[in-house]
Amino acid sequence: MSLAPISPRPRSWSERLGVSGATSNASSFYCGRYLREKGVATLLEYARRYAEQYPDRFTFVFLGQGDLAIPRESWARDLGVVSEARKCEVLAAADALVQFSRNESLSLVALEAWGARHPCRG
């Protein structure tokens, strides 16, 4: 029986995804439409306040599009609309999923995150 060598996993999510300019090793991600109804405005406000209090502790990665603009700040990365394969890569590299929508009891992306053994915060 032969085992293929296992390459070490890069230390940060940004190395795993090839995203430059990240200031933290931890990441949470949001996947969906950038709408107030989905809780994105609340998420952005909480993330901004947290980043002010604890600089460089985390980065939020956003996947999707919508009416709300993702700020160009060190704590935020907007990857926009991505393929299903890229979404799976982000999910695998992230530390947690954050979904703040009060209009959905259980989202498909939450099930995908749980399947990847990542915590979800809503």
PDB file of N, CA and C in Angstrom:
ATOM      1  N   MET A   1       0.844  -1.173   0.000  1.00  0.00           N
ATOM      2  CA  MET A   1       0.000   0.000   0.000  1.00  0.00           C
ATOM      3  C   MET A   1       0.891   1.238   0.000  1.00  0.00           C
ATOM      4  N   SER A   2       0.547   2.184  -0.824  1.00  0.00           N
ATOM      5  CA  SER A   2       1.318   3.404  -0.939  1.00  0.00           C
ATOM      6  C   SER A   2       0.461   4.595  -0.558  1.00  0.00           C
ATOM      7  N   LEU A   3       1.036   5.486   0.210  1.00  0.00           N
ATOM      8  CA  LEU A   3       0.330   6.708   0.578  1.00  0.00           C
ATOM      9  C   LEU A   3       0.951   7.883  -0.157  1.00  0.00           C
ATOM     10  N   ALA A   4       0.114   8.708  -0.739  1.00  0.00           N
ATOM     11  CA  ALA A   4       0.603   9.918  -1.395  1.00  0.00           C
ATOM     12  C   ALA A   4       1.022  10.906  -0.323  1.00  0.00           C
ATOM     13  N   PRO A   5       2.097  11.627  -0.559  1.00  0.00           N
ATOM     14  CA  PRO A   5       2.511  12.610   0.437  1.00  0.00           C
ATOM     15  C   PRO A   5       1.453  13.695   0.598  1.00  0.00           C
ATOM     16  N   ILE A   6       1.261  14.117   1.811  1.00  0.00           N
ATOM     17  CA  ILE A   6       0.300  15.177   2.103  1.00  0.00           C
ATOM     18  C   ILE A   6       1.062  16.488   2.203  1.00  0.00           C
ATOM     19  N   SER A   7       0.695  17.418   1.366  1.00  0.00           N
ATOM     20  CA  SER A   7       1.365  18.720   1.440  1.00  0.00           C
ATOM     21  C   SER A   7       0.791  19.503   2.608  1.00  0.00           C
ATOM     22  N   PRO A   8       1.629  20.257   3.290  1.00  0.00           N
ATOM     23  CA  PRO A   8       1.125  21.018   4.427  1.00  0.00           C
ATOM     24  C   PRO A   8       0.121  22.057   3.973  1.00  0.00           C
ATOM     25  N   ARG A   9      -0.915  22.255   4.773  1.00  0.00           N
ATOM     26  CA  ARG A   9      -1.935  23.245   4.477  1.00  0.00           C
ATOM     27  C   ARG A   9      -1.357  24.631   4.759  1.00  0.00           C
ATOM     28  N   PRO A  10      -1.487  25.577   3.812  1.00  0.00           N
ATOM     29  CA  PRO A  10      -1.004  26.927   4.082  1.00  0.00           C
ATOM     30  C   PRO A  10      -1.622  27.476   5.354  1.00  0.00           C
ATOM     31  N   ARG A  11      -0.907  28.349   6.004  1.00  0.00           N
ATOM     32  CA  ARG A  11      -1.301  28.817   7.320  1.00  0.00           C
ATOM     33  C   ARG A  11      -2.525  29.716   7.323  1.00  0.00           C
ATOM     34  N   SER A  12      -2.729  30.492   6.305  1.00  0.00           N
ATOM     35  CA  SER A  12      -3.845  31.428   6.349  1.00  0.00           C
ATOM     36  C   SER A  12      -4.860  31.129   5.254  1.00  0.00           C
ATOM     37  N   TRP A  13      -6.056  31.593   5.472  1.00  0.00           N
ATOM     38  CA  TRP A  13      -7.119  31.415   4.479  1.00  0.00           C
ATOM     39  C   TRP A  13      -6.748  32.114   3.184  1.00  0.00           C
ATOM     40  N   SER A  14      -6.074  33.263   3.288  1.00  0.00           N
ATOM     41  CA  SER A  14      -5.737  34.004   2.067  1.00  0.00           C
ATOM     42  C   SER A  14      -4.715  33.251   1.225  1.00  0.00           C
ATOM     43  N   GLU A  15      -3.794  32.548   1.862  1.00  0.00           N
ATOM     44  CA  GLU A  15      -2.847  31.721   1.116  1.00  0.00           C
ATOM     45  C   GLU A  15      -3.583  30.571   0.445  1.00  0.00           C
ATOM     46  N   ARG A  16      -4.553  29.985   1.144  1.00  0.00           N
ATOM     47  CA  ARG A  16      -5.300  28.868   0.584  1.00  0.00           C
ATOM     48  C   ARG A  16      -6.131  29.298  -0.625  1.00  0.00           C
ATOM     49  N   LEU A  17      -6.582  30.558  -0.633  1.00  0.00           N
ATOM     50  CA  LEU A  17      -7.430  31.041  -1.727  1.00  0.00           C
ATOM     51  C   LEU A  17      -6.694  31.900  -2.739  1.00  0.00           C
ATOM     52  N   GLY A  18      -5.449  32.256  -2.437  1.00  0.00           N
ATOM     53  CA  GLY A  18      -4.708  33.122  -3.333  1.00  0.00           C
ATOM     54  C   GLY A  18      -5.221  34.548  -3.332  1.00  0.00           C
ATOM     55  N   VAL A  19      -5.718  35.022  -2.183  1.00  0.00           N
ATOM     56  CA  VAL A  19      -6.220  36.388  -2.046  1.00  0.00           C
ATOM     57  C   VAL A  19      -5.131  37.224  -1.396  1.00  0.00           C
ATOM     58  N   SER A  20      -4.725  38.284  -2.057  1.00  0.00           N
ATOM     59  CA  SER A  20      -3.637  39.100  -1.528  1.00  0.00           C
ATOM     60  C   SER A  20      -4.173  40.226  -0.648  1.00  0.00           C
ATOM     61  N   GLY A  21      -3.290  40.746   0.205  1.00  0.00           N
ATOM     62  CA  GLY A  21      -3.614  41.909   1.013  1.00  0.00           C
ATOM     63  C   GLY A  21      -4.349  41.627   2.296  1.00  0.00           C
ATOM     64  N   ALA A  22      -4.574  40.378   2.648  1.00  0.00           N
ATOM     65  CA  ALA A  22      -5.282  40.067   3.891  1.00  0.00           C
ATOM     66  C   ALA A  22      -4.385  40.372   5.079  1.00  0.00           C
ATOM     67  N   THR A  23      -4.993  40.861   6.141  1.00  0.00           N
ATOM     68  CA  THR A  23      -4.220  41.236   7.321  1.00  0.00           C
ATOM     69  C   THR A  23      -4.401  40.261   8.474  1.00  0.00           C
ATOM     70  N   SER A  24      -5.220  39.252   8.302  1.00  0.00           N
ATOM     71  CA  SER A  24      -5.470  38.325   9.404  1.00  0.00           C
ATOM     72  C   SER A  24      -5.378  36.883   8.929  1.00  0.00           C
ATOM     73  N   ASN A  25      -5.208  35.985   9.874  1.00  0.00           N
ATOM     74  CA  ASN A  25      -5.190  34.564   9.557  1.00  0.00           C
ATOM     75  C   ASN A  25      -6.564  33.923   9.708  1.00  0.00           C
ATOM     76  N   ALA A  26      -7.512  34.619  10.300  1.00  0.00           N
ATOM     77  CA  ALA A  26      -8.855  34.078  10.505  1.00  0.00           C
ATOM     78  C   ALA A  26      -9.826  34.725   9.526  1.00  0.00           C
ATOM     79  N   SER A  27     -10.796  33.950   9.083  1.00  0.00           N
ATOM     80  CA  SER A  27     -11.794  34.508   8.177  1.00  0.00           C
ATOM     81  C   SER A  27     -13.173  33.931   8.454  1.00  0.00           C
ATOM     82  N   SER A  28     -14.153  34.768   8.261  1.00  0.00           N
ATOM     83  CA  SER A  28     -15.556  34.364   8.243  1.00  0.00           C
ATOM     84  C   SER A  28     -16.076  34.751   6.877  1.00  0.00           C
ATOM     85  N   PHE A  29     -17.128  34.088   6.434  1.00  0.00           N
ATOM     86  CA  PHE A  29     -17.634  34.474   5.131  1.00  0.00           C
ATOM     87  C   PHE A  29     -19.143  34.567   5.125  1.00  0.00           C
ATOM     88  N   TYR A  30     -19.621  35.383   4.212  1.00  0.00           N
ATOM     89  CA  TYR A  30     -21.044  35.567   3.949  1.00  0.00           C
ATOM     90  C   TYR A  30     -21.262  35.191   2.499  1.00  0.00           C
ATOM     91  N   CYS A  31     -22.354  34.487   2.228  1.00  0.00           N
ATOM     92  CA  CYS A  31     -22.664  34.085   0.866  1.00  0.00           C
ATOM     93  C   CYS A  31     -24.135  34.376   0.596  1.00  0.00           C
ATOM     94  N   GLY A  32     -24.396  35.252  -0.368  1.00  0.00           N
ATOM     95  CA  GLY A  32     -25.779  35.582  -0.703  1.00  0.00           C
ATOM     96  C   GLY A  32     -25.889  36.963  -1.292  1.00  0.00           C
ATOM     97  N   ARG A  33     -27.118  37.448  -1.374  1.00  0.00           N
ATOM     98  CA  ARG A  33     -27.356  38.782  -1.919  1.00  0.00           C
ATOM     99  C   ARG A  33     -27.005  39.838  -0.872  1.00  0.00           C
ATOM    100  N   TYR A  34     -26.410  40.918  -1.304  1.00  0.00           N
ATOM    101  CA  TYR A  34     -26.019  42.015  -0.416  1.00  0.00           C
ATOM    102  C   TYR A  34     -27.215  42.954  -0.252  1.00  0.00           C
ATOM    103  N   LEU A  35     -28.142  42.550   0.584  1.00  0.00           N
ATOM    104  CA  LEU A  35     -29.372  43.307   0.806  1.00  0.00           C
ATOM    105  C   LEU A  35     -29.584  43.553   2.292  1.00  0.00           C
ATOM    106  N   ARG A  36     -30.231  44.675   2.601  1.00  0.00           N
ATOM    107  CA  ARG A  36     -30.585  44.980   3.987  1.00  0.00           C
ATOM    108  C   ARG A  36     -31.466  43.874   4.574  1.00  0.00           C
ATOM    109  N   GLU A  37     -32.377  43.334   3.755  1.00  0.00           N
ATOM    110  CA  GLU A  37     -33.292  42.283   4.218  1.00  0.00           C
ATOM    111  C   GLU A  37     -32.556  40.996   4.606  1.00  0.00           C
ATOM    112  N   LYS A  38     -31.375  40.814   4.077  1.00  0.00           N
ATOM    113  CA  LYS A  38     -30.572  39.625   4.398  1.00  0.00           C
ATOM    114  C   LYS A  38     -29.682  39.852   5.617  1.00  0.00           C
ATOM    115  N   GLY A  39     -29.758  41.044   6.210  1.00  0.00           N
ATOM    116  CA  GLY A  39     -28.954  41.339   7.394  1.00  0.00           C
ATOM    117  C   GLY A  39     -27.546  41.814   7.098  1.00  0.00           C
ATOM    118  N   VAL A  40     -27.267  42.120   5.841  1.00  0.00           N
ATOM    119  CA  VAL A  40     -25.905  42.498   5.461  1.00  0.00           C
ATOM    120  C   VAL A  40     -25.507  43.848   6.070  1.00  0.00           C
ATOM    121  N   ALA A  41     -26.439  44.804   6.131  1.00  0.00           N
ATOM    122  CA  ALA A  41     -26.117  46.101   6.736  1.00  0.00           C
ATOM    123  C   ALA A  41     -25.727  45.923   8.202  1.00  0.00           C
ATOM    124  N   THR A  42     -26.455  45.089   8.916  1.00  0.00           N
ATOM    125  CA  THR A  42     -26.135  44.805  10.322  1.00  0.00           C
ATOM    126  C   THR A  42     -24.785  44.114  10.432  1.00  0.00           C
ATOM    127  N   LEU A  43     -24.549  43.135   9.587  1.00  0.00           N
ATOM    128  CA  LEU A  43     -23.274  42.429   9.587  1.00  0.00           C
ATOM    129  C   LEU A  43     -22.116  43.384   9.332  1.00  0.00           C
ATOM    130  N   LEU A  44     -22.265  44.271   8.359  1.00  0.00           N
ATOM    131  CA  LEU A  44     -21.201  45.228   8.053  1.00  0.00           C
ATOM    132  C   LEU A  44     -20.937  46.163   9.238  1.00  0.00           C
ATOM    133  N   GLU A  45     -21.991  46.613   9.886  1.00  0.00           N
ATOM    134  CA  GLU A  45     -21.813  47.505  11.037  1.00  0.00           C
ATOM    135  C   GLU A  45     -21.108  46.783  12.186  1.00  0.00           C
ATOM    136  N   TYR A  46     -21.536  45.570  12.503  1.00  0.00           N
ATOM    137  CA  TYR A  46     -20.890  44.791  13.571  1.00  0.00           C
ATOM    138  C   TYR A  46     -19.430  44.505  13.229  1.00  0.00           C
ATOM    139  N   ALA A  47     -19.184  44.134  11.986  1.00  0.00           N
ATOM    140  CA  ALA A  47     -17.815  43.817  11.567  1.00  0.00           C
ATOM    141  C   ALA A  47     -16.926  45.054  11.646  1.00  0.00           C
ATOM    142  N   ARG A  48     -17.444  46.202  11.229  1.00  0.00           N
ATOM    143  CA  ARG A  48     -16.674  47.451  11.293  1.00  0.00           C
ATOM    144  C   ARG A  48     -16.304  47.781  12.739  1.00  0.00           C
ATOM    145  N   ARG A  49     -17.291  47.674  13.634  1.00  0.00           N
ATOM    146  CA  ARG A  49     -17.023  47.978  15.049  1.00  0.00           C
ATOM    147  C   ARG A  49     -16.014  46.992  15.648  1.00  0.00           C
ATOM    148  N   TYR A  50     -16.160  45.732  15.314  1.00  0.00           N
ATOM    149  CA  TYR A  50     -15.234  44.722  15.826  1.00  0.00           C
ATOM    150  C   TYR A  50     -13.818  44.991  15.320  1.00  0.00           C
ATOM    151  N   ALA A  51     -13.702  45.330  14.045  1.00  0.00           N
ATOM    152  CA  ALA A  51     -12.386  45.609  13.450  1.00  0.00           C
ATOM    153  C   ALA A  51     -11.734  46.828  14.090  1.00  0.00           C
ATOM    154  N   GLU A  52     -12.541  47.813  14.476  1.00  0.00           N
ATOM    155  CA  GLU A  52     -11.992  48.984  15.166  1.00  0.00           C
ATOM    156  C   GLU A  52     -11.435  48.606  16.533  1.00  0.00           C
ATOM    157  N   GLN A  53     -12.161  47.745  17.227  1.00  0.00           N
ATOM    158  CA  GLN A  53     -11.746  47.348  18.574  1.00  0.00           C
ATOM    159  C   GLN A  53     -10.613  46.318  18.555  1.00  0.00           C
ATOM    160  N   TYR A  54     -10.623  45.421  17.573  1.00  0.00           N
ATOM    161  CA  TYR A  54      -9.627  44.342  17.475  1.00  0.00           C
ATOM    162  C   TYR A  54      -9.034  44.325  16.060  1.00  0.00           C
ATOM    163  N   PRO A  55      -8.166  45.263  15.746  1.00  0.00           N
ATOM    164  CA  PRO A  55      -7.626  45.331  14.378  1.00  0.00           C
ATOM    165  C   PRO A  55      -6.871  44.057  13.984  1.00  0.00           C
ATOM    166  N   ASP A  56      -7.014  43.690  12.741  1.00  0.00           N
ATOM    167  CA  ASP A  56      -6.280  42.569  12.136  1.00  0.00           C
ATOM    168  C   ASP A  56      -6.566  41.218  12.773  1.00  0.00           C
ATOM    169  N   ARG A  57      -7.677  41.081  13.476  1.00  0.00           N
ATOM    170  CA  ARG A  57      -8.007  39.797  14.088  1.00  0.00           C
ATOM    171  C   ARG A  57      -8.740  38.867  13.117  1.00  0.00           C
ATOM    172  N   PHE A  58      -9.462  39.421  12.169  1.00  0.00           N
ATOM    173  CA  PHE A  58     -10.221  38.598  11.232  1.00  0.00           C
ATOM    174  C   PHE A  58     -10.423  39.351   9.925  1.00  0.00           C
ATOM    175  N   THR A  59     -10.857  38.620   8.919  1.00  0.00           N
ATOM    176  CA  THR A  59     -11.288  39.194   7.651  1.00  0.00           C
ATOM    177  C   THR A  59     -12.626  38.559   7.288  1.00  0.00           C
ATOM    178  N   PHE A  60     -13.571  39.370   6.835  1.00  0.00           N
ATOM    179  CA  PHE A  60     -14.829  38.858   6.309  1.00  0.00           C
ATOM    180  C   PHE A  60     -14.715  38.761   4.800  1.00  0.00           C
ATOM    181  N   VAL A  61     -15.078  37.619   4.272  1.00  0.00           N
ATOM    182  CA  VAL A  61     -15.074  37.377   2.834  1.00  0.00           C
ATOM    183  C   VAL A  61     -16.532  37.330   2.383  1.00  0.00           C
ATOM    184  N   PHE A  62     -16.873  38.153   1.413  1.00  0.00           N
ATOM    185  CA  PHE A  62     -18.248  38.244   0.925  1.00  0.00           C
ATOM    186  C   PHE A  62     -18.339  37.657  -0.472  1.00  0.00           C
ATOM    187  N   LEU A  63     -19.335  36.797  -0.670  1.00  0.00           N
ATOM    188  CA  LEU A  63     -19.613  36.192  -1.969  1.00  0.00           C
ATOM    189  C   LEU A  63     -21.025  36.580  -2.367  1.00  0.00           C
ATOM    190  N   GLY A  64     -21.186  37.202  -3.517  1.00  0.00           N
ATOM    191  CA  GLY A  64     -22.512  37.569  -3.986  1.00  0.00           C
ATOM    192  C   GLY A  64     -22.518  38.931  -4.633  1.00  0.00           C
ATOM    193  N   GLN A  65     -23.702  39.550  -4.633  1.00  0.00           N
ATOM    194  CA  GLN A  65     -23.868  40.888  -5.184  1.00  0.00           C
ATOM    195  C   GLN A  65     -25.163  41.459  -4.649  1.00  0.00           C
ATOM    196  N   GLY A  66     -25.347  42.756  -4.829  1.00  0.00           N
ATOM    197  CA  GLY A  66     -26.594  43.369  -4.382  1.00  0.00           C
ATOM    198  C   GLY A  66     -26.481  44.864  -4.229  1.00  0.00           C
ATOM    199  N   ASP A  67     -27.481  45.431  -3.577  1.00  0.00           N
ATOM    200  CA  ASP A  67     -27.603  46.879  -3.443  1.00  0.00           C
ATOM    201  C   ASP A  67     -26.606  47.482  -2.459  1.00  0.00           C
ATOM    202  N   LEU A  68     -26.160  46.738  -1.479  1.00  0.00           N
ATOM    203  CA  LEU A  68     -25.232  47.262  -0.477  1.00  0.00           C
ATOM    204  C   LEU A  68     -23.794  47.059  -0.929  1.00  0.00           C
ATOM    205  N   ALA A  69     -22.995  48.088  -0.768  1.00  0.00           N
ATOM    206  CA  ALA A  69     -21.581  48.013  -1.146  1.00  0.00           C
ATOM    207  C   ALA A  69     -20.763  47.455   0.012  1.00  0.00           C
ATOM    208  N   ILE A  70     -19.861  46.563  -0.307  1.00  0.00           N
ATOM    209  CA  ILE A  70     -18.922  46.042   0.685  1.00  0.00           C
ATOM    210  C   ILE A  70     -17.766  47.034   0.760  1.00  0.00           C
ATOM    211  N   PRO A  71     -17.457  47.533   1.942  1.00  0.00           N
ATOM    212  CA  PRO A  71     -16.411  48.560   2.036  1.00  0.00           C
ATOM    213  C   PRO A  71     -15.028  48.026   1.656  1.00  0.00           C
ATOM    214  N   ARG A  72     -14.216  48.908   1.153  1.00  0.00           N
ATOM    215  CA  ARG A  72     -12.821  48.571   0.831  1.00  0.00           C
ATOM    216  C   ARG A  72     -11.983  48.851   2.066  1.00  0.00           C
ATOM    217  N   GLU A  73     -12.058  47.926   3.008  1.00  0.00           N
ATOM    218  CA  GLU A  73     -11.348  48.027   4.284  1.00  0.00           C
ATOM    219  C   GLU A  73     -10.487  46.781   4.452  1.00  0.00           C
ATOM    220  N   SER A  74      -9.536  46.851   5.370  1.00  0.00           N
ATOM    221  CA  SER A  74      -8.633  45.713   5.576  1.00  0.00           C
ATOM    222  C   SER A  74      -9.364  44.474   6.081  1.00  0.00           C
ATOM    223  N   TRP A  75     -10.512  44.652   6.717  1.00  0.00           N
ATOM    224  CA  TRP A  75     -11.247  43.524   7.291  1.00  0.00           C
ATOM    225  C   TRP A  75     -12.263  42.917   6.322  1.00  0.00           C
ATOM    226  N   ALA A  76     -12.406  43.467   5.126  1.00  0.00           N
ATOM    227  CA  ALA A  76     -13.437  42.997   4.193  1.00  0.00           C
ATOM    228  C   ALA A  76     -12.845  42.650   2.836  1.00  0.00           C
ATOM    229  N   ARG A  77     -13.284  41.542   2.262  1.00  0.00           N
ATOM    230  CA  ARG A  77     -12.911  41.144   0.903  1.00  0.00           C
ATOM    231  C   ARG A  77     -14.184  40.769   0.156  1.00  0.00           C
ATOM    232  N   ASP A  78     -14.464  41.475  -0.916  1.00  0.00           N
ATOM    233  CA  ASP A  78     -15.636  41.194  -1.742  1.00  0.00           C
ATOM    234  C   ASP A  78     -15.181  40.413  -2.963  1.00  0.00           C
ATOM    235  N   LEU A  79     -15.526  39.140  -3.004  1.00  0.00           N
ATOM    236  CA  LEU A  79     -15.166  38.308  -4.152  1.00  0.00           C
ATOM    237  C   LEU A  79     -16.252  38.306  -5.212  1.00  0.00           C
ATOM    238  N   GLY A  80     -17.396  38.917  -4.915  1.00  0.00           N
ATOM    239  CA  GLY A  80     -18.475  39.019  -5.892  1.00  0.00           C
ATOM    240  C   GLY A  80     -19.127  37.678  -6.185  1.00  0.00           C
ATOM    241  N   VAL A  81     -19.701  37.577  -7.364  1.00  0.00           N
ATOM    242  CA  VAL A  81     -20.340  36.338  -7.799  1.00  0.00           C
ATOM    243  C   VAL A  81     -19.247  35.384  -8.242  1.00  0.00           C
ATOM    244  N   VAL A  82     -19.263  34.183  -7.709  1.00  0.00           N
ATOM    245  CA  VAL A  82     -18.231  33.193  -8.021  1.00  0.00           C
ATOM    246  C   VAL A  82     -18.883  31.895  -8.482  1.00  0.00           C
ATOM    247  N   SER A  83     -18.086  31.039  -9.070  1.00  0.00           N
ATOM    248  CA  SER A  83     -18.585  29.728  -9.496  1.00  0.00           C
ATOM    249  C   SER A  83     -18.850  28.850  -8.272  1.00  0.00           C
ATOM    250  N   GLU A  84     -19.572  27.797  -8.486  1.00  0.00           N
ATOM    251  CA  GLU A  84     -19.841  26.846  -7.396  1.00  0.00           C
ATOM    252  C   GLU A  84     -18.538  26.247  -6.882  1.00  0.00           C
ATOM    253  N   ALA A  85     -17.596  25.991  -7.779  1.00  0.00           N
ATOM    254  CA  ALA A  85     -16.297  25.434  -7.369  1.00  0.00           C
ATOM    255  C   ALA A  85     -15.543  26.421  -6.484  1.00  0.00           C
ATOM    256  N   ARG A  86     -15.558  27.705  -6.867  1.00  0.00           N
ATOM    257  CA  ARG A  86     -14.868  28.722  -6.056  1.00  0.00           C
ATOM    258  C   ARG A  86     -15.554  28.892  -4.698  1.00  0.00           C
ATOM    259  N   LYS A  87     -16.883  28.839  -4.676  1.00  0.00           N
ATOM    260  CA  LYS A  87     -17.605  28.923  -3.410  1.00  0.00           C
ATOM    261  C   LYS A  87     -17.175  27.783  -2.480  1.00  0.00           C
ATOM    262  N   CYS A  88     -17.024  26.603  -3.031  1.00  0.00           N
ATOM    263  CA  CYS A  88     -16.581  25.454  -2.228  1.00  0.00           C
ATOM    264  C   CYS A  88     -15.163  25.665  -1.703  1.00  0.00           C
ATOM    265  N   GLU A  89     -14.297  26.288  -2.509  1.00  0.00           N
ATOM    266  CA  GLU A  89     -12.934  26.594  -2.057  1.00  0.00           C
ATOM    267  C   GLU A  89     -12.958  27.584  -0.898  1.00  0.00           C
ATOM    268  N   VAL A  90     -13.785  28.623  -1.016  1.00  0.00           N
ATOM    269  CA  VAL A  90     -13.897  29.618   0.055  1.00  0.00           C
ATOM    270  C   VAL A  90     -14.442  28.958   1.310  1.00  0.00           C
ATOM    271  N   LEU A  91     -15.462  28.143   1.151  1.00  0.00           N
ATOM    272  CA  LEU A  91     -16.050  27.432   2.288  1.00  0.00           C
ATOM    273  C   LEU A  91     -15.010  26.571   2.988  1.00  0.00           C
ATOM    274  N   ALA A  92     -14.204  25.860   2.222  1.00  0.00           N
ATOM    275  CA  ALA A  92     -13.188  24.991   2.809  1.00  0.00           C
ATOM    276  C   ALA A  92     -12.111  25.783   3.542  1.00  0.00           C
ATOM    277  N   ALA A  93     -11.800  26.975   3.055  1.00  0.00           N
ATOM    278  CA  ALA A  93     -10.722  27.774   3.638  1.00  0.00           C
ATOM    279  C   ALA A  93     -11.177  28.632   4.816  1.00  0.00           C
ATOM    280  N   ALA A  94     -12.464  28.913   4.898  1.00  0.00           N
ATOM    281  CA  ALA A  94     -12.980  29.812   5.930  1.00  0.00           C
ATOM    282  C   ALA A  94     -13.018  29.137   7.293  1.00  0.00           C
ATOM    283  N   ASP A  95     -13.058  29.965   8.319  1.00  0.00           N
ATOM    284  CA  ASP A  95     -13.186  29.468   9.684  1.00  0.00           C
ATOM    285  C   ASP A  95     -14.633  29.383  10.140  1.00  0.00           C
ATOM    286  N   ALA A  96     -15.508  30.222   9.567  1.00  0.00           N
ATOM    287  CA  ALA A  96     -16.914  30.234   9.976  1.00  0.00           C
ATOM    288  C   ALA A  96     -17.760  30.920   8.906  1.00  0.00           C
ATOM    289  N   LEU A  97     -19.051  30.637   8.946  1.00  0.00           N
ATOM    290  CA  LEU A  97     -20.038  31.281   8.090  1.00  0.00           C
ATOM    291  C   LEU A  97     -20.864  32.221   8.957  1.00  0.00           C
ATOM    292  N   VAL A  98     -21.187  33.398   8.425  1.00  0.00           N
ATOM    293  CA  VAL A  98     -22.074  34.328   9.116  1.00  0.00           C
ATOM    294  C   VAL A  98     -23.224  34.665   8.178  1.00  0.00           C
ATOM    295  N   GLN A  99     -24.439  34.347   8.601  1.00  0.00           N
ATOM    296  CA  GLN A  99     -25.657  34.655   7.858  1.00  0.00           C
ATOM    297  C   GLN A  99     -26.617  35.323   8.837  1.00  0.00           C
ATOM    298  N   PHE A 100     -26.978  36.581   8.601  1.00  0.00           N
ATOM    299  CA  PHE A 100     -27.824  37.325   9.539  1.00  0.00           C
ATOM    300  C   PHE A 100     -29.276  37.452   9.095  1.00  0.00           C
ATOM    301  N   SER A 101     -29.686  36.796   8.042  1.00  0.00           N
ATOM    302  CA  SER A 101     -31.049  36.942   7.541  1.00  0.00           C
ATOM    303  C   SER A 101     -32.057  36.439   8.561  1.00  0.00           C
ATOM    304  N   ARG A 102     -33.037  37.290   8.858  1.00  0.00           N
ATOM    305  CA  ARG A 102     -34.121  36.886   9.762  1.00  0.00           C
ATOM    306  C   ARG A 102     -35.296  36.303   8.984  1.00  0.00           C
ATOM    307  N   ASN A 103     -35.178  36.305   7.664  1.00  0.00           N
ATOM    308  CA  ASN A 103     -36.267  35.829   6.813  1.00  0.00           C
ATOM    309  C   ASN A 103     -36.104  34.372   6.401  1.00  0.00           C
ATOM    310  N   GLU A 104     -35.008  33.752   6.786  1.00  0.00           N
ATOM    311  CA  GLU A 104     -34.762  32.361   6.411  1.00  0.00           C
ATOM    312  C   GLU A 104     -34.465  31.560   7.678  1.00  0.00           C
ATOM    313  N   SER A 105     -35.126  30.458   7.835  1.00  0.00           N
ATOM    314  CA  SER A 105     -34.868  29.641   9.018  1.00  0.00           C
ATOM    315  C   SER A 105     -33.611  28.788   8.855  1.00  0.00           C
ATOM    316  N   LEU A 106     -33.348  28.351   7.646  1.00  0.00           N
ATOM    317  CA  LEU A 106     -32.171  27.526   7.397  1.00  0.00           C
ATOM    318  C   LEU A 106     -31.777  27.672   5.933  1.00  0.00           C
ATOM    319  N   SER A 107     -30.570  28.134   5.702  1.00  0.00           N
ATOM    320  CA  SER A 107     -30.133  28.348   4.321  1.00  0.00           C
ATOM    321  C   SER A 107     -29.291  27.169   3.843  1.00  0.00           C
ATOM    322  N   LEU A 108     -29.256  26.992   2.544  1.00  0.00           N
ATOM    323  CA  LEU A 108     -28.453  25.929   1.945  1.00  0.00           C
ATOM    324  C   LEU A 108     -26.977  26.109   2.273  1.00  0.00           C
ATOM    325  N   VAL A 109     -26.484  27.363   2.242  1.00  0.00           N
ATOM    326  CA  VAL A 109     -25.072  27.603   2.536  1.00  0.00           C
ATOM    327  C   VAL A 109     -24.746  27.250   3.994  1.00  0.00           C
ATOM    328  N   ALA A 110     -25.708  27.396   4.908  1.00  0.00           N
ATOM    329  CA  ALA A 110     -25.483  26.976   6.305  1.00  0.00           C
ATOM    330  C   ALA A 110     -25.305  25.459   6.373  1.00  0.00           C
ATOM    331  N   LEU A 111     -26.116  24.728   5.631  1.00  0.00           N
ATOM    332  CA  LEU A 111     -25.960  23.267   5.592  1.00  0.00           C
ATOM    333  C   LEU A 111     -24.609  22.883   4.995  1.00  0.00           C
ATOM    334  N   GLU A 112     -24.184  23.596   3.957  1.00  0.00           N
ATOM    335  CA  GLU A 112     -22.880  23.325   3.347  1.00  0.00           C
ATOM    336  C   GLU A 112     -21.750  23.624   4.332  1.00  0.00           C
ATOM    337  N   ALA A 113     -21.865  24.702   5.077  1.00  0.00           N
ATOM    338  CA  ALA A 113     -20.839  25.034   6.067  1.00  0.00           C
ATOM    339  C   ALA A 113     -20.798  23.988   7.175  1.00  0.00           C
ATOM    340  N   TRP A 114     -21.938  23.572   7.653  1.00  0.00           N
ATOM    341  CA  TRP A 114     -21.962  22.522   8.683  1.00  0.00           C
ATOM    342  C   TRP A 114     -21.349  21.233   8.144  1.00  0.00           C
ATOM    343  N   GLY A 115     -21.641  20.934   6.871  1.00  0.00           N
ATOM    344  CA  GLY A 115     -21.056  19.743   6.250  1.00  0.00           C
ATOM    345  C   GLY A 115     -19.540  19.808   6.184  1.00  0.00           C
ATOM    346  N   ALA A 116     -19.011  21.027   6.115  1.00  0.00           N
ATOM    347  CA  ALA A 116     -17.550  21.213   6.108  1.00  0.00           C
ATOM    348  C   ALA A 116     -17.008  21.387   7.534  1.00  0.00           C
ATOM    349  N   ARG A 117     -17.873  21.175   8.527  1.00  0.00           N
ATOM    350  CA  ARG A 117     -17.508  21.260   9.940  1.00  0.00           C
ATOM    351  C   ARG A 117     -17.109  22.668  10.366  1.00  0.00           C
ATOM    352  N   HIS A 118     -17.796  23.657   9.790  1.00  0.00           N
ATOM    353  CA  HIS A 118     -17.560  25.056  10.172  1.00  0.00           C
ATOM    354  C   HIS A 118     -18.751  25.552  10.977  1.00  0.00           C
ATOM    355  N   PRO A 119     -18.510  26.365  11.987  1.00  0.00           N
ATOM    356  CA  PRO A 119     -19.617  26.946  12.741  1.00  0.00           C
ATOM    357  C   PRO A 119     -20.341  27.989  11.899  1.00  0.00           C
ATOM    358  N   CYS A 120     -21.604  28.197  12.209  1.00  0.00           N
ATOM    359  CA  CYS A 120     -22.419  29.209  11.539  1.00  0.00           C
ATOM    360  C   CYS A 120     -22.962  30.150  12.603  1.00  0.00           C
ATOM    361  N   ARG A 121     -22.931  31.417  12.288  1.00  0.00           N
ATOM    362  CA  ARG A 121     -23.475  32.424  13.187  1.00  0.00           C
ATOM    363  C   ARG A 121     -24.553  33.184  12.438  1.00  0.00           C
ATOM    364  N   GLY A 122     -25.701  33.272  13.020  1.00  0.00           N
ATOM    365  CA  GLY A 122     -26.787  33.984  12.365  1.00  0.00           C
ATOM    366  C   GLY A 122     -27.493  34.895  13.303  1.00  0.00           C
TER     367      GLY A 122
END
